[in-house]
PDB file of N, CA and C in Angstrom:
ATOM      1  N   MET A   1      -8.779 -14.920   2.068  1.00  0.00           N
ATOM      2  CA  MET A   1      -7.980 -14.475   3.196  1.00  0.00           C
ATOM      3  C   MET A   1      -7.816 -12.958   3.119  1.00  0.00           C
ATOM      4  N   THR A   2      -7.996 -12.305   4.232  1.00  0.00           N
ATOM      5  CA  THR A   2      -7.831 -10.866   4.291  1.00  0.00           C
ATOM      6  C   THR A   2      -6.386 -10.542   4.620  1.00  0.00           C
ATOM      7  N   GLY A   3      -5.855  -9.533   3.919  1.00  0.00           N
ATOM      8  CA  GLY A   3      -4.469  -9.150   4.126  1.00  0.00           C
ATOM      9  C   GLY A   3      -4.249  -8.381   5.417  1.00  0.00           C
ATOM     10  N   GLN A   4      -2.980  -8.184   5.722  1.00  0.00           N
ATOM     11  CA  GLN A   4      -2.590  -7.469   6.927  1.00  0.00           C
ATOM     12  C   GLN A   4      -2.715  -5.956   6.746  1.00  0.00           C
ATOM     13  N   PHE A   5      -2.841  -5.523   5.497  1.00  0.00           N
ATOM     14  CA  PHE A   5      -3.003  -4.115   5.165  1.00  0.00           C
ATOM     15  C   PHE A   5      -3.502  -4.033   3.734  1.00  0.00           C
ATOM     16  N   THR A   6      -3.874  -2.820   3.318  1.00  0.00           N
ATOM     17  CA  THR A   6      -4.283  -2.599   1.932  1.00  0.00           C
ATOM     18  C   THR A   6      -3.202  -1.804   1.233  1.00  0.00           C
ATOM     19  N   LEU A   7      -2.775  -2.301   0.083  1.00  0.00           N
ATOM     20  CA  LEU A   7      -1.786  -1.628  -0.740  1.00  0.00           C
ATOM     21  C   LEU A   7      -2.525  -0.955  -1.890  1.00  0.00           C
ATOM     22  N   TYR A   8      -2.466   0.360  -1.942  1.00  0.00           N
ATOM     23  CA  TYR A   8      -3.087   1.126  -3.018  1.00  0.00           C
ATOM     24  C   TYR A   8      -2.024   1.363  -4.080  1.00  0.00           C
ATOM     25  N   SER A   9      -2.381   1.065  -5.332  1.00  0.00           N
ATOM     26  CA  SER A   9      -1.399   1.113  -6.407  1.00  0.00           C
ATOM     27  C   SER A   9      -2.054   1.503  -7.728  1.00  0.00           C
ATOM     28  N   THR A  10      -1.225   1.535  -8.766  1.00  0.00           N
ATOM     29  CA  THR A  10      -1.691   1.661 -10.144  1.00  0.00           C
ATOM     30  C   THR A  10      -0.957   0.612 -10.971  1.00  0.00           C
ATOM     31  N   PRO A  11      -1.503   0.219 -12.113  1.00  0.00           N
ATOM     32  CA  PRO A  11      -0.853  -0.810 -12.928  1.00  0.00           C
ATOM     33  C   PRO A  11       0.505  -0.383 -13.491  1.00  0.00           C
ATOM     34  N   TRP A  12       0.709   0.906 -13.676  1.00  0.00           N
ATOM     35  CA  TRP A  12       1.932   1.403 -14.313  1.00  0.00           C
ATOM     36  C   TRP A  12       3.022   1.795 -13.329  1.00  0.00           C
ATOM     37  N   CYS A  13       2.790   1.664 -12.041  1.00  0.00           N
ATOM     38  CA  CYS A  13       3.732   2.126 -11.019  1.00  0.00           C
ATOM     39  C   CYS A  13       4.844   1.100 -10.778  1.00  0.00           C
ATOM     40  N   GLY A  14       6.046   1.446 -11.167  1.00  0.00           N
ATOM     41  CA  GLY A  14       7.196   0.565 -10.965  1.00  0.00           C
ATOM     42  C   GLY A  14       7.502   0.307  -9.499  1.00  0.00           C
ATOM     43  N   TYR A  15       7.349   1.333  -8.666  1.00  0.00           N
ATOM     44  CA  TYR A  15       7.582   1.171  -7.227  1.00  0.00           C
ATOM     45  C   TYR A  15       6.577   0.188  -6.627  1.00  0.00           C
ATOM     46  N   CYS A  16       5.347   0.236  -7.130  1.00  0.00           N
ATOM     47  CA  CYS A  16       4.308  -0.691  -6.658  1.00  0.00           C
ATOM     48  C   CYS A  16       4.679  -2.127  -7.015  1.00  0.00           C
ATOM     49  N   HIS A  17       5.097  -2.351  -8.261  1.00  0.00           N
ATOM     50  CA  HIS A  17       5.472  -3.698  -8.702  1.00  0.00           C
ATOM     51  C   HIS A  17       6.631  -4.240  -7.876  1.00  0.00           C
ATOM     52  N   ARG A  18       7.635  -3.390  -7.608  1.00  0.00           N
ATOM     53  CA  ARG A  18       8.797  -3.820  -6.834  1.00  0.00           C
ATOM     54  C   ARG A  18       8.370  -4.215  -5.417  1.00  0.00           C
ATOM     55  N   LEU A  19       7.595  -3.347  -4.753  1.00  0.00           N
ATOM     56  CA  LEU A  19       7.186  -3.633  -3.383  1.00  0.00           C
ATOM     57  C   LEU A  19       6.290  -4.865  -3.318  1.00  0.00           C
ATOM     58  N   LYS A  20       5.356  -5.003  -4.252  1.00  0.00           N
ATOM     59  CA  LYS A  20       4.479  -6.183  -4.257  1.00  0.00           C
ATOM     60  C   LYS A  20       5.299  -7.463  -4.377  1.00  0.00           C
ATOM     61  N   GLY A  21       6.298  -7.471  -5.242  1.00  0.00           N
ATOM     62  CA  GLY A  21       7.153  -8.646  -5.396  1.00  0.00           C
ATOM     63  C   GLY A  21       7.899  -8.977  -4.116  1.00  0.00           C
ATOM     64  N   GLN A  22       8.429  -7.946  -3.454  1.00  0.00           N
ATOM     65  CA  GLN A  22       9.146  -8.163  -2.201  1.00  0.00           C
ATOM     66  C   GLN A  22       8.214  -8.721  -1.126  1.00  0.00           C
ATOM     67  N   LEU A  23       7.033  -8.153  -1.027  1.00  0.00           N
ATOM     68  CA  LEU A  23       6.068  -8.619  -0.027  1.00  0.00           C
ATOM     69  C   LEU A  23       5.660 -10.071  -0.298  1.00  0.00           C
ATOM     70  N   GLN A  24       5.416 -10.394  -1.555  1.00  0.00           N
ATOM     71  CA  GLN A  24       5.018 -11.765  -1.908  1.00  0.00           C
ATOM     72  C   GLN A  24       6.130 -12.752  -1.610  1.00  0.00           C
ATOM     73  N   ARG A  25       7.386 -12.397  -1.908  1.00  0.00           N
ATOM     74  CA  ARG A  25       8.513 -13.286  -1.607  1.00  0.00           C
ATOM     75  C   ARG A  25       8.652 -13.526  -0.102  1.00  0.00           C
ATOM     76  N   GLU A  26       8.267 -12.547   0.705  1.00  0.00           N
ATOM     77  CA  GLU A  26       8.340 -12.671   2.159  1.00  0.00           C
ATOM     78  C   GLU A  26       7.113 -13.365   2.746  1.00  0.00           C
ATOM     79  N   GLY A  27       6.108 -13.643   1.909  1.00  0.00           N
ATOM     80  CA  GLY A  27       4.897 -14.297   2.386  1.00  0.00           C
ATOM     81  C   GLY A  27       3.966 -13.370   3.149  1.00  0.00           C
ATOM     82  N   ILE A  28       4.107 -12.072   2.943  1.00  0.00           N
ATOM     83  CA  ILE A  28       3.260 -11.090   3.616  1.00  0.00           C
ATOM     84  C   ILE A  28       1.981 -10.929   2.804  1.00  0.00           C
ATOM     85  N   VAL A  29       0.855 -11.181   3.447  1.00  0.00           N
ATOM     86  CA  VAL A  29      -0.442 -11.153   2.779  1.00  0.00           C
ATOM     87  C   VAL A  29      -1.017  -9.740   2.843  1.00  0.00           C
ATOM     88  N   PHE A  30      -1.495  -9.256   1.694  1.00  0.00           N
ATOM     89  CA  PHE A  30      -2.076  -7.919   1.642  1.00  0.00           C
ATOM     90  C   PHE A  30      -3.204  -7.882   0.629  1.00  0.00           C
ATOM     91  N   ASP A  31      -4.063  -6.902   0.787  1.00  0.00           N
ATOM     92  CA  ASP A  31      -5.107  -6.639  -0.193  1.00  0.00           C
ATOM     93  C   ASP A  31      -4.600  -5.526  -1.092  1.00  0.00           C
ATOM     94  N   GLU A  32      -4.973  -5.560  -2.361  1.00  0.00           N
ATOM     95  CA  GLU A  32      -4.525  -4.532  -3.301  1.00  0.00           C
ATOM     96  C   GLU A  32      -5.716  -3.850  -3.945  1.00  0.00           C
ATOM     97  N   VAL A  33      -5.612  -2.533  -4.083  1.00  0.00           N
ATOM     98  CA  VAL A  33      -6.652  -1.748  -4.738  1.00  0.00           C
ATOM     99  C   VAL A  33      -5.987  -0.850  -5.769  1.00  0.00           C
ATOM    100  N   ASP A  34      -6.475  -0.907  -7.002  1.00  0.00           N
ATOM    101  CA  ASP A  34      -6.005  -0.048  -8.085  1.00  0.00           C
ATOM    102  C   ASP A  34      -6.780   1.263  -7.996  1.00  0.00           C
ATOM    103  N   ILE A  35      -6.092   2.361  -7.698  1.00  0.00           N
ATOM    104  CA  ILE A  35      -6.797   3.632  -7.503  1.00  0.00           C
ATOM    105  C   ILE A  35      -7.351   4.202  -8.806  1.00  0.00           C
ATOM    106  N   GLU A  36      -6.872   3.706  -9.950  1.00  0.00           N
ATOM    107  CA  GLU A  36      -7.445   4.157 -11.222  1.00  0.00           C
ATOM    108  C   GLU A  36      -8.763   3.448 -11.516  1.00  0.00           C
ATOM    109  N   ALA A  37      -8.905   2.229 -11.038  1.00  0.00           N
ATOM    110  CA  ALA A  37     -10.139   1.462 -11.257  1.00  0.00           C
ATOM    111  C   ALA A  37     -11.186   1.764 -10.189  1.00  0.00           C
ATOM    112  N   ASP A  38     -10.762   2.296  -9.051  1.00  0.00           N
ATOM    113  CA  ASP A  38     -11.660   2.583  -7.932  1.00  0.00           C
ATOM    114  C   ASP A  38     -11.441   4.026  -7.475  1.00  0.00           C
ATOM    115  N   PRO A  39     -12.168   4.975  -8.068  1.00  0.00           N
ATOM    116  CA  PRO A  39     -11.960   6.390  -7.753  1.00  0.00           C
ATOM    117  C   PRO A  39     -12.101   6.733  -6.264  1.00  0.00           C
ATOM    118  N   ALA A  40     -12.948   6.041  -5.533  1.00  0.00           N
ATOM    119  CA  ALA A  40     -13.090   6.318  -4.103  1.00  0.00           C
ATOM    120  C   ALA A  40     -11.788   6.014  -3.355  1.00  0.00           C
ATOM    121  N   SER A  41     -11.061   5.023  -3.815  1.00  0.00           N
ATOM    122  CA  SER A  41      -9.802   4.684  -3.155  1.00  0.00           C
ATOM    123  C   SER A  41      -8.747   5.755  -3.399  1.00  0.00           C
ATOM    124  N   ALA A  42      -8.838   6.456  -4.525  1.00  0.00           N
ATOM    125  CA  ALA A  42      -7.914   7.556  -4.790  1.00  0.00           C
ATOM    126  C   ALA A  42      -8.073   8.641  -3.730  1.00  0.00           C
ATOM    127  N   ASP A  43      -9.292   8.817  -3.238  1.00  0.00           N
ATOM    128  CA  ASP A  43      -9.534   9.784  -2.164  1.00  0.00           C
ATOM    129  C   ASP A  43      -8.868   9.341  -0.866  1.00  0.00           C
ATOM    130  N   VAL A  44      -8.884   8.049  -0.588  1.00  0.00           N
ATOM    131  CA  VAL A  44      -8.224   7.508   0.608  1.00  0.00           C
ATOM    132  C   VAL A  44      -6.727   7.799   0.538  1.00  0.00           C
ATOM    133  N   VAL A  45      -6.145   7.552  -0.631  1.00  0.00           N
ATOM    134  CA  VAL A  45      -4.710   7.787  -0.830  1.00  0.00           C
ATOM    135  C   VAL A  45      -4.391   9.275  -0.692  1.00  0.00           C
ATOM    136  N   ALA A  46      -5.205  10.119  -1.304  1.00  0.00           N
ATOM    137  CA  ALA A  46      -4.975  11.566  -1.212  1.00  0.00           C
ATOM    138  C   ALA A  46      -5.059  12.045   0.232  1.00  0.00           C
ATOM    139  N   GLN A  47      -5.995  11.504   0.987  1.00  0.00           N
ATOM    140  CA  GLN A  47      -6.143  11.897   2.386  1.00  0.00           C
ATOM    141  C   GLN A  47      -4.910  11.499   3.195  1.00  0.00           C
ATOM    142  N   ALA A  48      -4.326  10.356   2.888  1.00  0.00           N
ATOM    143  CA  ALA A  48      -3.147   9.879   3.608  1.00  0.00           C
ATOM    144  C   ALA A  48      -1.881  10.626   3.216  1.00  0.00           C
ATOM    145  N   ASN A  49      -1.929  11.340   2.074  1.00  0.00           N
ATOM    146  CA  ASN A  49      -0.721  11.958   1.521  1.00  0.00           C
ATOM    147  C   ASN A  49      -0.865  13.452   1.270  1.00  0.00           C
ATOM    148  N   GLY A  50      -1.590  14.130   2.123  1.00  0.00           N
ATOM    149  CA  GLY A  50      -1.688  15.573   2.016  1.00  0.00           C
ATOM    150  C   GLY A  50      -2.259  16.066   0.700  1.00  0.00           C
ATOM    151  N   GLY A  51      -3.185  15.301   0.132  1.00  0.00           N
ATOM    152  CA  GLY A  51      -3.833  15.688  -1.115  1.00  0.00           C
ATOM    153  C   GLY A  51      -3.229  15.066  -2.358  1.00  0.00           C
ATOM    154  N   ASN A  52      -2.092  14.407  -2.227  1.00  0.00           N
ATOM    155  CA  ASN A  52      -1.425  13.774  -3.375  1.00  0.00           C
ATOM    156  C   ASN A  52      -1.838  12.316  -3.513  1.00  0.00           C
ATOM    157  N   GLN A  53      -1.988  11.875  -4.744  1.00  0.00           N
ATOM    158  CA  GLN A  53      -2.333  10.478  -5.008  1.00  0.00           C
ATOM    159  C   GLN A  53      -1.051   9.682  -5.257  1.00  0.00           C
ATOM    160  N   THR A  54      -0.235   9.578  -4.229  1.00  0.00           N
ATOM    161  CA  THR A  54       1.063   8.918  -4.317  1.00  0.00           C
ATOM    162  C   THR A  54       0.904   7.431  -4.030  1.00  0.00           C
ATOM    163  N   VAL A  55       1.446   6.611  -4.920  1.00  0.00           N
ATOM    164  CA  VAL A  55       1.432   5.165  -4.738  1.00  0.00           C
ATOM    165  C   VAL A  55       2.862   4.633  -4.832  1.00  0.00           C
ATOM    166  N   PRO A  56       3.157   3.535  -4.166  1.00  0.00           N
ATOM    167  CA  PRO A  56       2.266   2.753  -3.328  1.00  0.00           C
ATOM    168  C   PRO A  56       2.019   3.420  -1.974  1.00  0.00           C
ATOM    169  N   THR A  57       0.783   3.349  -1.544  1.00  0.00           N
ATOM    170  CA  THR A  57       0.400   3.762  -0.193  1.00  0.00           C
ATOM    171  C   THR A  57      -0.207   2.550   0.481  1.00  0.00           C
ATOM    172  N   LEU A  58       0.295   2.247   1.664  1.00  0.00           N
ATOM    173  CA  LEU A  58      -0.215   1.126   2.456  1.00  0.00           C
ATOM    174  C   LEU A  58      -1.005   1.685   3.625  1.00  0.00           C
ATOM    175  N   VAL A  59      -2.215   1.168   3.826  1.00  0.00           N
ATOM    176  CA  VAL A  59      -3.040   1.578   4.963  1.00  0.00           C
ATOM    177  C   VAL A  59      -3.301   0.345   5.816  1.00  0.00           C
ATOM    178  N   PHE A  60      -2.972   0.480   7.099  1.00  0.00           N
ATOM    179  CA  PHE A  60      -3.083  -0.623   8.041  1.00  0.00           C
ATOM    180  C   PHE A  60      -4.403  -0.548   8.798  1.00  0.00           C
ATOM    181  N   ALA A  61      -4.768  -1.630   9.454  1.00  0.00           N
ATOM    182  CA  ALA A  61      -6.048  -1.725  10.155  1.00  0.00           C
ATOM    183  C   ALA A  61      -6.210  -0.651  11.229  1.00  0.00           C
ATOM    184  N   ASP A  62      -5.106  -0.202  11.808  1.00  0.00           N
ATOM    185  CA  ASP A  62      -5.191   0.825  12.852  1.00  0.00           C
ATOM    186  C   ASP A  62      -5.295   2.237  12.285  1.00  0.00           C
ATOM    187  N   GLY A  63      -5.336   2.342  10.951  1.00  0.00           N
ATOM    188  CA  GLY A  63      -5.481   3.642  10.301  1.00  0.00           C
ATOM    189  C   GLY A  63      -4.176   4.308   9.924  1.00  0.00           C
ATOM    190  N   THR A  64      -3.057   3.745  10.344  1.00  0.00           N
ATOM    191  CA  THR A  64      -1.770   4.328   9.962  1.00  0.00           C
ATOM    192  C   THR A  64      -1.487   4.027   8.497  1.00  0.00           C
ATOM    193  N   ALA A  65      -0.639   4.848   7.902  1.00  0.00           N
ATOM    194  CA  ALA A  65      -0.320   4.683   6.490  1.00  0.00           C
ATOM    195  C   ALA A  65       1.179   4.872   6.254  1.00  0.00           C
ATOM    196  N   LEU A  66       1.688   4.161   5.275  1.00  0.00           N
ATOM    197  CA  LEU A  66       3.065   4.333   4.815  1.00  0.00           C
ATOM    198  C   LEU A  66       3.022   4.609   3.314  1.00  0.00           C
ATOM    199  N   THR A  67       3.820   5.552   2.871  1.00  0.00           N
ATOM    200  CA  THR A  67       3.875   5.886   1.450  1.00  0.00           C
ATOM    201  C   THR A  67       5.229   5.497   0.892  1.00  0.00           C
ATOM    202  N   ASN A  68       5.205   4.693  -0.166  1.00  0.00           N
ATOM    203  CA  ASN A  68       6.404   4.192  -0.830  1.00  0.00           C
ATOM    204  C   ASN A  68       7.429   3.666   0.175  1.00  0.00           C
ATOM    205  N   PRO A  69       6.999   2.768   1.057  1.00  0.00           N
ATOM    206  CA  PRO A  69       7.907   2.282   2.093  1.00  0.00           C
ATOM    207  C   PRO A  69       8.860   1.217   1.568  1.00  0.00           C
ATOM    208  N   SER A  70       9.937   1.029   2.309  1.00  0.00           N
ATOM    209  CA  SER A  70      10.829  -0.096   2.037  1.00  0.00           C
ATOM    210  C   SER A  70      10.220  -1.344   2.677  1.00  0.00           C
ATOM    211  N   LEU A  71      10.724  -2.499   2.298  1.00  0.00           N
ATOM    212  CA  LEU A  71      10.265  -3.746   2.910  1.00  0.00           C
ATOM    213  C   LEU A  71      10.532  -3.723   4.411  1.00  0.00           C
ATOM    214  N   ALA A  72      11.670  -3.180   4.812  1.00  0.00           N
ATOM    215  CA  ALA A  72      12.010  -3.104   6.241  1.00  0.00           C
ATOM    216  C   ALA A  72      11.002  -2.239   6.996  1.00  0.00           C
ATOM    217  N   GLU A  73      10.564  -1.146   6.398  1.00  0.00           N
ATOM    218  CA  GLU A  73       9.574  -0.277   7.046  1.00  0.00           C
ATOM    219  C   GLU A  73       8.238  -0.999   7.214  1.00  0.00           C
ATOM    220  N   VAL A  74       7.861  -1.781   6.204  1.00  0.00           N
ATOM    221  CA  VAL A  74       6.605  -2.535   6.298  1.00  0.00           C
ATOM    222  C   VAL A  74       6.700  -3.568   7.405  1.00  0.00           C
ATOM    223  N   LYS A  75       7.797  -4.297   7.450  1.00  0.00           N
ATOM    224  CA  LYS A  75       7.973  -5.301   8.495  1.00  0.00           C
ATOM    225  C   LYS A  75       7.968  -4.674   9.885  1.00  0.00           C
ATOM    226  N   ALA A  76       8.591  -3.513  10.023  1.00  0.00           N
ATOM    227  CA  ALA A  76       8.621  -2.825  11.317  1.00  0.00           C
ATOM    228  C   ALA A  76       7.205  -2.408  11.725  1.00  0.00           C
ATOM    229  N   GLN A  77       6.421  -1.936  10.785  1.00  0.00           N
ATOM    230  CA  GLN A  77       5.044  -1.539  11.094  1.00  0.00           C
ATOM    231  C   GLN A  77       4.208  -2.745  11.505  1.00  0.00           C
ATOM    232  N   LEU A  78       4.417  -3.859  10.834  1.00  0.00           N
ATOM    233  CA  LEU A  78       3.648  -5.069  11.148  1.00  0.00           C
ATOM    234  C   LEU A  78       4.016  -5.634  12.510  1.00  0.00           C
ATOM    235  N   SER A  79       5.239  -5.421  12.947  1.00  0.00           N
ATOM    236  CA  SER A  79       5.671  -5.974  14.237  1.00  0.00           C
ATOM    237  C   SER A  79       5.422  -5.006  15.379  1.00  0.00           C
ATOM    238  N   ALA A  80       4.966  -3.797  15.067  1.00  0.00           N
ATOM    239  CA  ALA A  80       4.735  -2.785  16.120  1.00  0.00           C
ATOM    240  C   ALA A  80       3.491  -3.088  16.918  1.00  0.00           C
TER     241      ALA A  80
END
């Protein structure tokens, strides 16, 4: 199953772990990419964040991105 967006993260990111848990509890399906294991994805994150590799960064099918969003922000983006 393909997710509603891609969540770019790292294994050591506490904010990533928190958001992933919240999304899973809500039943929100997403794809995850570890930017340390996939260097090309780090470029995607940097492009979305003015050159910074800030995680978690979520990229939606329409090309919009959210950086370190709250669960409410993710839900609002999905319902837009």
